[in-house]
Amino acid sequence: MNIQMKLLGKKSNQTGFTVLEFLIASTIFVVVMAAGSDFFNNMNRSAVVNSALTDVQQDARAAMLTLVRDISMAGYGVTSFGACPNAITPTNSNSGPDGISIANMATIATTLAAPGAPGNAKITLADLVEGTISFNGIRTATAVLDVGTTVNISPALDSSGEQYPAGTPILTPGCVVYSLNPATRELSRTIGGVGSVLASGVMDMQFAYALDANGDGRIDDANLSGAYDAGDFVNLPADLSSIRLVRVSLYLQTGQGDPRYILGVPETLEDHDPTTDGGYDLADYQPFRSRVLTRIVRPRNIGLP
């Protein structure tokens, strides 16, 4: 009898959660889940925005590499060609993107079908090309038909060891035009009227130029600071043959908006302040992450003695 009473007493003390305890636990669970959901949503939004910005930057870097290569080769083999009256012909604007036209050995016309050995005055090409040619931007020569796709070149390859393997790109002169369409935000490279889009998400492209107008071999002190600095670059040179350095700036923007991103004003590049453009609207910039990519390039074939 006593044992049964003790067992009954123990059972009566084993009670479950009260309604109040259940409500408190449920509330805590909901709060924790909501906080976790917000955290993961924010992480996901950040990942999407960062991925979009990375894609834009990668495209722009690839475009910048091409642009830098063309500018560095400006005037190589040709000082003007077609629609390019000069080795470098700037197009300047303080109310929109700049442009630039470059005359150089810009077009891969064919390749060497057989190795070009030291001392050779003849080379065999995969496809016939005559006139001024370049061995992958390393040296230039004049090619004249011999037979088939074999051409005589002048000057001949240096007999002391100059040689090029089969497959070496053979370049020909071209006029390269870089332009940016503000409506589509596409940066294009055009040769001989045939254009290709190098990068998207580019809001602005600006150029500035450092000069050596007196030919003393030093950059002109344009801002009279007593030293070479960023202020020595001008937007439109009076004498294009005096260009010694080109500063290229690209303003990049994601296509994926970030509602948490607050931008005071868009970036001003060189002489272009977007806030003074006709039709300027901060909403075109406000929700989008942006970056500026800048390079200074030396055209290696301009100003040579």
C-alpha atoms as a PDB file:
ATOM      1  CA  MET A   1       0.000   0.000   0.000  1.00  0.00           C
ATOM      2  CA  ASN A   2       2.770   2.393   0.908  1.00  0.00           C
ATOM      3  CA  ILE A   3       4.667   1.483  -2.265  1.00  0.00           C
ATOM      4  CA  GLN A   4       1.615   2.218  -4.436  1.00  0.00           C
ATOM      5  CA  MET A   5       1.109   5.612  -2.801  1.00  0.00           C
ATOM      6  CA  LYS A   6       4.748   6.517  -3.398  1.00  0.00           C
ATOM      7  CA  LEU A   7       4.468   5.563  -7.075  1.00  0.00           C
ATOM      8  CA  LEU A   8       1.303   7.610  -7.462  1.00  0.00           C
ATOM      9  CA  GLY A   9       2.989  10.555  -5.783  1.00  0.00           C
ATOM     10  CA  LYS A  10       5.889  10.402  -8.218  1.00  0.00           C
ATOM     11  CA  LYS A  11       3.567  10.313 -11.216  1.00  0.00           C
ATOM     12  CA  SER A  12       1.660  13.326 -10.000  1.00  0.00           C
ATOM     13  CA  ASN A  13       4.881  15.389  -9.922  1.00  0.00           C
ATOM     14  CA  GLN A  14       5.799  14.592 -13.594  1.00  0.00           C
ATOM     15  CA  THR A  15       3.911  17.462 -15.240  1.00  0.00           C
ATOM     16  CA  GLY A  16       4.522  18.809 -18.883  1.00  0.00           C
ATOM     17  CA  PHE A  17       4.976  22.400 -20.183  1.00  0.00           C
ATOM     18  CA  THR A  18       2.375  24.927 -19.238  1.00  0.00           C
ATOM     19  CA  VAL A  19       0.656  26.961 -21.930  1.00  0.00           C
ATOM     20  CA  LEU A  20       2.647  30.019 -20.871  1.00  0.00           C
ATOM     21  CA  GLU A  21       5.962  28.174 -21.136  1.00  0.00           C
ATOM     22  CA  PHE A  22       4.978  26.866 -24.559  1.00  0.00           C
ATOM     23  CA  LEU A  23       4.126  30.372 -25.781  1.00  0.00           C
ATOM     24  CA  ILE A  24       7.417  31.785 -24.498  1.00  0.00           C
ATOM     25  CA  ALA A  25       9.432  28.998 -26.151  1.00  0.00           C
ATOM     26  CA  SER A  26       7.537  29.439 -29.424  1.00  0.00           C
ATOM     27  CA  THR A  27       8.174  33.194 -29.400  1.00  0.00           C
ATOM     28  CA  ILE A  28      11.889  32.707 -28.828  1.00  0.00           C
ATOM     29  CA  PHE A  29      12.003  30.155 -31.638  1.00  0.00           C
ATOM     30  CA  VAL A  30      10.249  32.513 -34.065  1.00  0.00           C
ATOM     31  CA  VAL A  31      12.569  35.413 -33.150  1.00  0.00           C
ATOM     32  CA  VAL A  32      15.672  33.272 -33.627  1.00  0.00           C
ATOM     33  CA  MET A  33      14.413  31.935 -36.960  1.00  0.00           C
ATOM     34  CA  ALA A  34      13.538  35.448 -38.180  1.00  0.00           C
ATOM     35  CA  ALA A  35      16.956  36.739 -37.213  1.00  0.00           C
ATOM     36  CA  GLY A  36      18.615  33.809 -38.946  1.00  0.00           C
ATOM     37  CA  SER A  37      16.483  34.302 -42.035  1.00  0.00           C
ATOM     38  CA  ASP A  38      17.426  38.003 -42.225  1.00  0.00           C
ATOM     39  CA  PHE A  39      21.081  37.096 -41.774  1.00  0.00           C
ATOM     40  CA  PHE A  40      21.080  34.531 -44.567  1.00  0.00           C
ATOM     41  CA  ASN A  41      19.042  36.809 -46.861  1.00  0.00           C
ATOM     42  CA  ASN A  42      21.569  39.593 -46.330  1.00  0.00           C
ATOM     43  CA  MET A  43      24.422  37.186 -46.965  1.00  0.00           C
ATOM     44  CA  ASN A  44      22.760  36.008 -50.169  1.00  0.00           C
ATOM     45  CA  ARG A  45      22.157  39.585 -51.391  1.00  0.00           C
ATOM     46  CA  SER A  46      25.780  40.488 -50.645  1.00  0.00           C
ATOM     47  CA  ALA A  47      27.013  37.407 -52.491  1.00  0.00           C
ATOM     48  CA  VAL A  48      24.902  38.249 -55.565  1.00  0.00           C
ATOM     49  CA  VAL A  49      26.060  41.899 -55.608  1.00  0.00           C
ATOM     50  CA  ASN A  50      29.721  40.979 -55.050  1.00  0.00           C
ATOM     51  CA  SER A  51      29.530  38.357 -57.789  1.00  0.00           C
ATOM     52  CA  ALA A  52      28.071  40.924 -60.209  1.00  0.00           C
ATOM     53  CA  LEU A  53      30.794  43.433 -59.305  1.00  0.00           C
ATOM     54  CA  THR A  54      33.493  40.787 -59.773  1.00  0.00           C
ATOM     55  CA  ASP A  55      32.137  39.922 -63.224  1.00  0.00           C
ATOM     56  CA  VAL A  56      32.151  43.591 -64.259  1.00  0.00           C
ATOM     57  CA  GLN A  57      35.689  44.069 -62.957  1.00  0.00           C
ATOM     58  CA  GLN A  58      36.982  40.985 -64.757  1.00  0.00           C
ATOM     59  CA  ASP A  59      35.465  42.101 -68.072  1.00  0.00           C
ATOM     60  CA  ALA A  60      36.841  45.610 -67.626  1.00  0.00           C
ATOM     61  CA  ARG A  61      40.323  44.347 -66.736  1.00  0.00           C
ATOM     62  CA  ALA A  62      40.381  42.214 -69.882  1.00  0.00           C
ATOM     63  CA  ALA A  63      39.221  45.227 -71.927  1.00  0.00           C
ATOM     64  CA  MET A  64      41.839  47.409 -70.244  1.00  0.00           C
ATOM     65  CA  LEU A  65      44.592  44.946 -71.152  1.00  0.00           C
ATOM     66  CA  THR A  66      43.564  45.134 -74.826  1.00  0.00           C
ATOM     67  CA  LEU A  67      43.344  48.922 -74.701  1.00  0.00           C
ATOM     68  CA  VAL A  68      46.753  49.200 -73.007  1.00  0.00           C
ATOM     69  CA  ARG A  69      48.309  46.924 -75.629  1.00  0.00           C
ATOM     70  CA  ASP A  70      46.898  48.985 -78.511  1.00  0.00           C
ATOM     71  CA  ILE A  71      48.004  52.304 -76.986  1.00  0.00           C
ATOM     72  CA  SER A  72      51.483  50.998 -76.205  1.00  0.00           C
ATOM     73  CA  MET A  73      51.822  49.953 -79.877  1.00  0.00           C
ATOM     74  CA  ALA A  74      50.445  53.243 -81.267  1.00  0.00           C
ATOM     75  CA  GLY A  75      52.583  54.358 -84.203  1.00  0.00           C
ATOM     76  CA  TYR A  76      54.311  51.007 -84.505  1.00  0.00           C
ATOM     77  CA  GLY A  77      54.854  50.365 -88.210  1.00  0.00           C
ATOM     78  CA  VAL A  78      52.483  53.198 -89.243  1.00  0.00           C
ATOM     79  CA  THR A  79      52.001  56.801 -88.122  1.00  0.00           C
ATOM     80  CA  SER A  80      48.534  57.028 -89.667  1.00  0.00           C
ATOM     81  CA  PHE A  81      46.120  54.611 -91.290  1.00  0.00           C
ATOM     82  CA  GLY A  82      42.620  54.874 -92.721  1.00  0.00           C
ATOM     83  CA  ALA A  83      40.380  56.802 -90.336  1.00  0.00           C
ATOM     84  CA  CYS A  84      43.315  57.388 -87.950  1.00  0.00           C
ATOM     85  CA  PRO A  85      45.098  60.576 -89.073  1.00  0.00           C
ATOM     86  CA  ASN A  86      47.656  60.225 -86.272  1.00  0.00           C
ATOM     87  CA  ALA A  87      49.237  57.491 -84.211  1.00  0.00           C
ATOM     88  CA  ILE A  88      46.895  58.619 -81.398  1.00  0.00           C
ATOM     89  CA  THR A  89      43.840  60.758 -82.118  1.00  0.00           C
ATOM     90  CA  PRO A  90      41.857  61.736 -78.992  1.00  0.00           C
ATOM     91  CA  THR A  91      38.162  62.518 -78.862  1.00  0.00           C
ATOM     92  CA  ASN A  92      37.526  64.592 -75.745  1.00  0.00           C
ATOM     93  CA  SER A  93      34.195  65.360 -74.067  1.00  0.00           C
ATOM     94  CA  ASN A  94      33.354  66.983 -70.740  1.00  0.00           C
ATOM     95  CA  SER A  95      29.711  65.919 -71.010  1.00  0.00           C
ATOM     96  CA  GLY A  96      30.120  62.240 -71.831  1.00  0.00           C
ATOM     97  CA  PRO A  97      32.665  59.482 -72.483  1.00  0.00           C
ATOM     98  CA  ASP A  98      35.921  60.197 -74.304  1.00  0.00           C
ATOM     99  CA  GLY A  99      37.105  58.145 -77.262  1.00  0.00           C
ATOM    100  CA  ILE A 100      40.431  57.347 -78.864  1.00  0.00           C
ATOM    101  CA  SER A 101      41.658  56.227 -82.295  1.00  0.00           C
ATOM    102  CA  ILE A 102      44.973  54.413 -82.633  1.00  0.00           C
ATOM    103  CA  ALA A 103      47.026  53.632 -85.737  1.00  0.00           C
ATOM    104  CA  ASN A 104      49.240  50.586 -85.252  1.00  0.00           C
ATOM    105  CA  MET A 105      49.922  47.053 -86.345  1.00  0.00           C
ATOM    106  CA  ALA A 106      46.627  45.958 -84.909  1.00  0.00           C
ATOM    107  CA  THR A 107      45.188  43.174 -87.039  1.00  0.00           C
ATOM    108  CA  ILE A 108      46.234  39.515 -86.923  1.00  0.00           C
ATOM    109  CA  ALA A 109      46.097  38.768 -90.651  1.00  0.00           C
ATOM    110  CA  THR A 110      47.659  35.306 -90.720  1.00  0.00           C
ATOM    111  CA  THR A 111      50.387  33.175 -89.134  1.00  0.00           C
ATOM    112  CA  LEU A 112      53.704  31.687 -90.166  1.00  0.00           C
ATOM    113  CA  ALA A 113      53.112  28.354 -91.889  1.00  0.00           C
ATOM    114  CA  ALA A 114      56.762  27.384 -91.410  1.00  0.00           C
ATOM    115  CA  PRO A 115      59.455  28.648 -89.021  1.00  0.00           C
ATOM    116  CA  GLY A 116      61.263  31.837 -89.956  1.00  0.00           C
ATOM    117  CA  ALA A 117      64.914  30.900 -89.505  1.00  0.00           C
ATOM    118  CA  PRO A 118      67.822  33.314 -88.917  1.00  0.00           C
ATOM    119  CA  GLY A 119      68.952  35.007 -92.121  1.00  0.00           C
ATOM    120  CA  ASN A 120      65.808  34.098 -94.072  1.00  0.00           C
ATOM    121  CA  ALA A 121      64.695  36.577 -96.732  1.00  0.00           C
ATOM    122  CA  LYS A 122      61.634  34.458 -97.546  1.00  0.00           C
ATOM    123  CA  ILE A 123      58.858  33.295 -95.249  1.00  0.00           C
ATOM    124  CA  THR A 124      55.836  31.087 -95.856  1.00  0.00           C
ATOM    125  CA  LEU A 125      52.490  32.251 -94.513  1.00  0.00           C
ATOM    126  CA  ALA A 126      49.276  30.379 -93.832  1.00  0.00           C
ATOM    127  CA  ASP A 127      47.489  32.959 -96.033  1.00  0.00           C
ATOM    128  CA  LEU A 128      49.028  35.430 -98.439  1.00  0.00           C
ATOM    129  CA  VAL A 129      49.644  38.905 -97.033  1.00  0.00           C
ATOM    130  CA  GLU A 130      51.680  41.647 -98.725  1.00  0.00           C
ATOM    131  CA  GLY A 131      52.837  45.092 -97.703  1.00  0.00           C
ATOM    132  CA  THR A 132      53.859  46.137 -94.201  1.00  0.00           C
ATOM    133  CA  ILE A 133      53.730  43.245 -91.768  1.00  0.00           C
ATOM    134  CA  SER A 134      54.838  42.619 -88.204  1.00  0.00           C
ATOM    135  CA  PHE A 135      56.035  39.461 -86.511  1.00  0.00           C
ATOM    136  CA  ASN A 136      53.654  39.561 -83.527  1.00  0.00           C
ATOM    137  CA  GLY A 137      54.587  43.171 -82.760  1.00  0.00           C
ATOM    138  CA  ILE A 138      58.281  42.314 -82.381  1.00  0.00           C
ATOM    139  CA  ARG A 139      59.615  43.663 -85.680  1.00  0.00           C
ATOM    140  CA  THR A 140      58.273  44.985 -88.976  1.00  0.00           C
ATOM    141  CA  ALA A 141      59.120  44.146 -92.572  1.00  0.00           C
ATOM    142  CA  THR A 142      57.829  44.680 -96.090  1.00  0.00           C
ATOM    143  CA  ALA A 143      56.393  41.546 -97.703  1.00  0.00           C
ATOM    144  CA  VAL A 144      56.324  41.033-101.513  1.00  0.00           C
ATOM    145  CA  LEU A 145      54.834  37.989-103.236  1.00  0.00           C
ATOM    146  CA  ASP A 146      57.277  35.308-104.332  1.00  0.00           C
ATOM    147  CA  VAL A 147      55.080  32.301-105.098  1.00  0.00           C
ATOM    148  CA  GLY A 148      51.919  30.870-103.522  1.00  0.00           C
ATOM    149  CA  THR A 149      51.895  32.093 -99.919  1.00  0.00           C
ATOM    150  CA  THR A 150      55.654  32.588 -99.789  1.00  0.00           C
ATOM    151  CA  VAL A 151      56.807  36.202 -99.666  1.00  0.00           C
ATOM    152  CA  ASN A 152      60.127  37.980 -99.842  1.00  0.00           C
ATOM    153  CA  ILE A 153      60.715  40.164 -96.799  1.00  0.00           C
ATOM    154  CA  SER A 154      62.862  43.239 -96.440  1.00  0.00           C
ATOM    155  CA  PRO A 155      64.851  43.543 -94.308  1.00  0.00           C
ATOM    156  CA  ALA A 156      65.658  39.850 -94.007  1.00  0.00           C
ATOM    157  CA  LEU A 157      65.744  38.160 -90.621  1.00  0.00           C
ATOM    158  CA  ASP A 158      68.944  38.787 -88.708  1.00  0.00           C
ATOM    159  CA  SER A 159      71.401  35.976 -89.374  1.00  0.00           C
ATOM    160  CA  SER A 160      72.781  36.275 -85.824  1.00  0.00           C
ATOM    161  CA  GLY A 161      69.844  34.370 -84.349  1.00  0.00           C
ATOM    162  CA  GLU A 162      66.490  36.054 -85.078  1.00  0.00           C
ATOM    163  CA  GLN A 163      63.896  33.340 -85.584  1.00  0.00           C
ATOM    164  CA  TYR A 164      60.138  32.816 -85.257  1.00  0.00           C
ATOM    165  CA  PRO A 165      58.328  29.488 -84.841  1.00  0.00           C
ATOM    166  CA  ALA A 166      55.485  28.276 -87.036  1.00  0.00           C
ATOM    167  CA  GLY A 167      52.214  29.756 -85.823  1.00  0.00           C
ATOM    168  CA  THR A 168      53.705  33.178 -85.003  1.00  0.00           C
ATOM    169  CA  PRO A 169      50.946  35.791 -85.591  1.00  0.00           C
ATOM    170  CA  ILE A 170      51.546  38.100 -88.548  1.00  0.00           C
ATOM    171  CA  LEU A 171      50.052  41.559 -87.979  1.00  0.00           C
ATOM    172  CA  THR A 172      49.055  44.196 -90.515  1.00  0.00           C
ATOM    173  CA  PRO A 173      48.307  47.934 -90.087  1.00  0.00           C
ATOM    174  CA  GLY A 174      44.943  49.037 -88.793  1.00  0.00           C
ATOM    175  CA  CYS A 175      42.974  51.914 -87.316  1.00  0.00           C
ATOM    176  CA  VAL A 176      41.612  50.908 -83.907  1.00  0.00           C
ATOM    177  CA  VAL A 177      38.728  52.969 -82.528  1.00  0.00           C
ATOM    178  CA  TYR A 178      37.573  52.712 -78.918  1.00  0.00           C
ATOM    179  CA  SER A 179      34.143  54.069 -78.023  1.00  0.00           C
ATOM    180  CA  LEU A 180      31.638  53.788 -75.202  1.00  0.00           C
ATOM    181  CA  ASN A 181      27.871  53.776 -75.663  1.00  0.00           C
ATOM    182  CA  PRO A 182      26.344  55.416 -72.541  1.00  0.00           C
ATOM    183  CA  ALA A 183      22.903  53.962 -73.298  1.00  0.00           C
ATOM    184  CA  THR A 184      24.043  50.324 -73.403  1.00  0.00           C
ATOM    185  CA  ARG A 185      27.159  50.841 -71.207  1.00  0.00           C
ATOM    186  CA  GLU A 186      29.163  48.791 -73.712  1.00  0.00           C
ATOM    187  CA  LEU A 187      32.823  49.465 -74.471  1.00  0.00           C
ATOM    188  CA  SER A 188      33.601  48.645 -78.115  1.00  0.00           C
ATOM    189  CA  ARG A 189      36.755  48.147 -80.178  1.00  0.00           C
ATOM    190  CA  THR A 190      36.353  48.717 -83.919  1.00  0.00           C
ATOM    191  CA  ILE A 191      38.839  47.895 -86.704  1.00  0.00           C
ATOM    192  CA  GLY A 192      38.039  48.558 -90.335  1.00  0.00           C
ATOM    193  CA  GLY A 193      34.381  49.172 -89.528  1.00  0.00           C
ATOM    194  CA  VAL A 194      34.002  45.849 -87.714  1.00  0.00           C
ATOM    195  CA  GLY A 195      33.287  46.303 -84.019  1.00  0.00           C
ATOM    196  CA  SER A 196      33.322  44.000 -81.027  1.00  0.00           C
ATOM    197  CA  VAL A 197      32.102  44.591 -77.478  1.00  0.00           C
ATOM    198  CA  LEU A 198      34.967  44.274 -74.996  1.00  0.00           C
ATOM    199  CA  ALA A 199      33.071  44.970 -71.774  1.00  0.00           C
ATOM    200  CA  SER A 200      29.622  45.803 -70.419  1.00  0.00           C
ATOM    201  CA  GLY A 201      28.699  47.793 -67.334  1.00  0.00           C
ATOM    202  CA  VAL A 202      31.077  50.655 -68.212  1.00  0.00           C
ATOM    203  CA  MET A 203      29.496  54.007 -67.324  1.00  0.00           C
ATOM    204  CA  ASP A 204      32.348  56.280 -68.382  1.00  0.00           C
ATOM    205  CA  MET A 205      35.706  56.211 -70.193  1.00  0.00           C
ATOM    206  CA  GLN A 206      38.127  59.112 -69.957  1.00  0.00           C
ATOM    207  CA  PHE A 207      41.636  59.800 -71.247  1.00  0.00           C
ATOM    208  CA  ALA A 208      44.302  62.309 -70.264  1.00  0.00           C
ATOM    209  CA  TYR A 209      47.735  62.864 -71.777  1.00  0.00           C
ATOM    210  CA  ALA A 210      51.185  63.773 -70.463  1.00  0.00           C
ATOM    211  CA  LEU A 211      53.327  65.625 -73.026  1.00  0.00           C
ATOM    212  CA  ASP A 212      56.899  66.466 -73.947  1.00  0.00           C
ATOM    213  CA  ALA A 213      56.278  69.510 -76.129  1.00  0.00           C
ATOM    214  CA  ASN A 214      59.865  70.835 -75.993  1.00  0.00           C
ATOM    215  CA  GLY A 215      61.451  67.479 -76.763  1.00  0.00           C
ATOM    216  CA  ASP A 216      63.780  67.453 -73.769  1.00  0.00           C
ATOM    217  CA  GLY A 217      62.892  63.868 -72.913  1.00  0.00           C
ATOM    218  CA  ARG A 218      60.928  64.802 -69.793  1.00  0.00           C
ATOM    219  CA  ILE A 219      57.211  65.166 -69.117  1.00  0.00           C
ATOM    220  CA  ASP A 220      56.143  68.810 -69.243  1.00  0.00           C
ATOM    221  CA  ASP A 221      55.322  70.369 -65.867  1.00  0.00           C
ATOM    222  CA  ALA A 222      51.791  71.318 -66.924  1.00  0.00           C
ATOM    223  CA  ASN A 223      50.652  72.407 -63.455  1.00  0.00           C
ATOM    224  CA  LEU A 224      53.973  74.086 -62.537  1.00  0.00           C
ATOM    225  CA  SER A 225      54.322  71.996 -59.406  1.00  0.00           C
ATOM    226  CA  GLY A 226      58.038  71.497 -59.911  1.00  0.00           C
ATOM    227  CA  ALA A 227      57.681  67.717 -60.184  1.00  0.00           C
ATOM    228  CA  TYR A 228      55.971  65.075 -62.295  1.00  0.00           C
ATOM    229  CA  ASP A 229      52.532  64.361 -60.824  1.00  0.00           C
ATOM    230  CA  ALA A 230      48.914  63.620 -61.736  1.00  0.00           C
ATOM    231  CA  GLY A 231      48.300  67.294 -62.579  1.00  0.00           C
ATOM    232  CA  ASP A 232      50.688  67.136 -65.534  1.00  0.00           C
ATOM    233  CA  PHE A 233      48.088  65.325 -67.654  1.00  0.00           C
ATOM    234  CA  VAL A 234      45.895  67.377 -70.027  1.00  0.00           C
ATOM    235  CA  ASN A 235      42.573  66.430 -71.570  1.00  0.00           C
ATOM    236  CA  LEU A 236      43.279  67.437 -75.174  1.00  0.00           C
ATOM    237  CA  PRO A 237      46.890  67.923 -76.380  1.00  0.00           C
ATOM    238  CA  ALA A 238      47.590  70.776 -78.781  1.00  0.00           C
ATOM    239  CA  ASP A 239      50.355  68.731 -80.440  1.00  0.00           C
ATOM    240  CA  LEU A 240      49.502  65.043 -80.706  1.00  0.00           C
ATOM    241  CA  SER A 241      53.082  64.113 -81.591  1.00  0.00           C
ATOM    242  CA  SER A 242      54.170  65.304 -78.127  1.00  0.00           C
ATOM    243  CA  ILE A 243      52.112  62.638 -76.302  1.00  0.00           C
ATOM    244  CA  ARG A 244      54.331  60.522 -74.075  1.00  0.00           C
ATOM    245  CA  LEU A 245      51.901  58.990 -71.556  1.00  0.00           C
ATOM    246  CA  VAL A 246      48.187  58.193 -71.710  1.00  0.00           C
ATOM    247  CA  ARG A 247      46.065  57.880 -68.571  1.00  0.00           C
ATOM    248  CA  VAL A 248      43.033  55.638 -69.114  1.00  0.00           C
ATOM    249  CA  SER A 249      40.136  55.593 -66.630  1.00  0.00           C
ATOM    250  CA  LEU A 250      37.063  53.358 -66.723  1.00  0.00           C
ATOM    251  CA  TYR A 251      34.066  53.859 -64.432  1.00  0.00           C
ATOM    252  CA  LEU A 252      32.419  50.479 -63.818  1.00  0.00           C
ATOM    253  CA  GLN A 253      28.976  49.724 -62.434  1.00  0.00           C
ATOM    254  CA  THR A 254      27.081  46.532 -61.657  1.00  0.00           C
ATOM    255  CA  GLY A 255      23.815  45.726 -63.358  1.00  0.00           C
ATOM    256  CA  GLN A 256      22.556  44.227 -60.089  1.00  0.00           C
ATOM    257  CA  GLY A 257      21.230  46.931 -57.762  1.00  0.00           C
ATOM    258  CA  ASP A 258      21.851  46.945 -54.011  1.00  0.00           C
ATOM    259  CA  PRO A 259      19.037  48.755 -52.135  1.00  0.00           C
ATOM    260  CA  ARG A 260      21.292  49.226 -49.111  1.00  0.00           C
ATOM    261  CA  TYR A 261      23.972  51.050 -51.115  1.00  0.00           C
ATOM    262  CA  ILE A 262      23.983  54.838 -50.714  1.00  0.00           C
ATOM    263  CA  LEU A 263      26.024  56.917 -53.146  1.00  0.00           C
ATOM    264  CA  GLY A 264      26.481  60.637 -52.600  1.00  0.00           C
ATOM    265  CA  VAL A 265      27.426  61.576 -56.173  1.00  0.00           C
ATOM    266  CA  PRO A 266      28.894  59.543 -59.043  1.00  0.00           C
ATOM    267  CA  GLU A 267      32.640  59.616 -59.646  1.00  0.00           C
ATOM    268  CA  THR A 268      34.114  62.514 -61.645  1.00  0.00           C
ATOM    269  CA  LEU A 269      36.757  61.318 -64.107  1.00  0.00           C
ATOM    270  CA  GLU A 270      39.163  63.848 -65.631  1.00  0.00           C
ATOM    271  CA  ASP A 271      36.998  66.724 -66.995  1.00  0.00           C
ATOM    272  CA  HIS A 272      33.698  64.824 -66.959  1.00  0.00           C
ATOM    273  CA  ASP A 273      31.343  65.436 -64.041  1.00  0.00           C
ATOM    274  CA  PRO A 274      28.228  63.278 -64.643  1.00  0.00           C
ATOM    275  CA  THR A 275      26.086  65.482 -62.397  1.00  0.00           C
ATOM    276  CA  THR A 276      26.306  68.271 -65.005  1.00  0.00           C
ATOM    277  CA  ASP A 277      25.137  66.066 -67.893  1.00  0.00           C
ATOM    278  CA  GLY A 278      21.766  66.693 -69.456  1.00  0.00           C
ATOM    279  CA  GLY A 279      19.220  64.220 -68.113  1.00  0.00           C
ATOM    280  CA  TYR A 280      21.366  63.337 -65.104  1.00  0.00           C
ATOM    281  CA  ASP A 281      19.463  61.228 -62.577  1.00  0.00           C
ATOM    282  CA  LEU A 282      21.019  59.970 -59.354  1.00  0.00           C
ATOM    283  CA  ALA A 283      18.715  56.948 -59.586  1.00  0.00           C
ATOM    284  CA  ASP A 284      20.892  55.706 -62.453  1.00  0.00           C
ATOM    285  CA  TYR A 285      23.779  55.451 -59.999  1.00  0.00           C
ATOM    286  CA  GLN A 286      22.295  55.189 -56.504  1.00  0.00           C
ATOM    287  CA  PRO A 287      21.511  51.468 -56.145  1.00  0.00           C
ATOM    288  CA  PHE A 288      24.576  50.171 -58.019  1.00  0.00           C
ATOM    289  CA  ARG A 289      28.030  49.327 -56.747  1.00  0.00           C
ATOM    290  CA  SER A 290      30.827  50.952 -58.731  1.00  0.00           C
ATOM    291  CA  ARG A 291      34.594  50.904 -59.206  1.00  0.00           C
ATOM    292  CA  VAL A 292      37.155  53.005 -61.086  1.00  0.00           C
ATOM    293  CA  LEU A 293      39.927  51.273 -63.008  1.00  0.00           C
ATOM    294  CA  THR A 294      42.895  53.464 -64.061  1.00  0.00           C
ATOM    295  CA  ARG A 295      46.099  52.722 -65.967  1.00  0.00           C
ATOM    296  CA  ILE A 296      48.933  54.915 -67.262  1.00  0.00           C
ATOM    297  CA  VAL A 297      50.356  53.706 -70.583  1.00  0.00           C
ATOM    298  CA  ARG A 298      53.512  54.701 -72.441  1.00  0.00           C
ATOM    299  CA  PRO A 299      53.168  54.596 -76.257  1.00  0.00           C
ATOM    300  CA  ARG A 300      56.539  53.055 -77.034  1.00  0.00           C
ATOM    301  CA  ASN A 301      56.785  54.237 -80.645  1.00  0.00           C
ATOM    302  CA  ILE A 302      55.847  57.912 -80.323  1.00  0.00           C
ATOM    303  CA  GLY A 303      58.563  60.509 -79.818  1.00  0.00           C
ATOM    304  CA  LEU A 304      61.370  58.229 -80.924  1.00  0.00           C
ATOM    305  CA  PRO A 305      64.322  59.963 -82.656  1.00  0.00           C
END
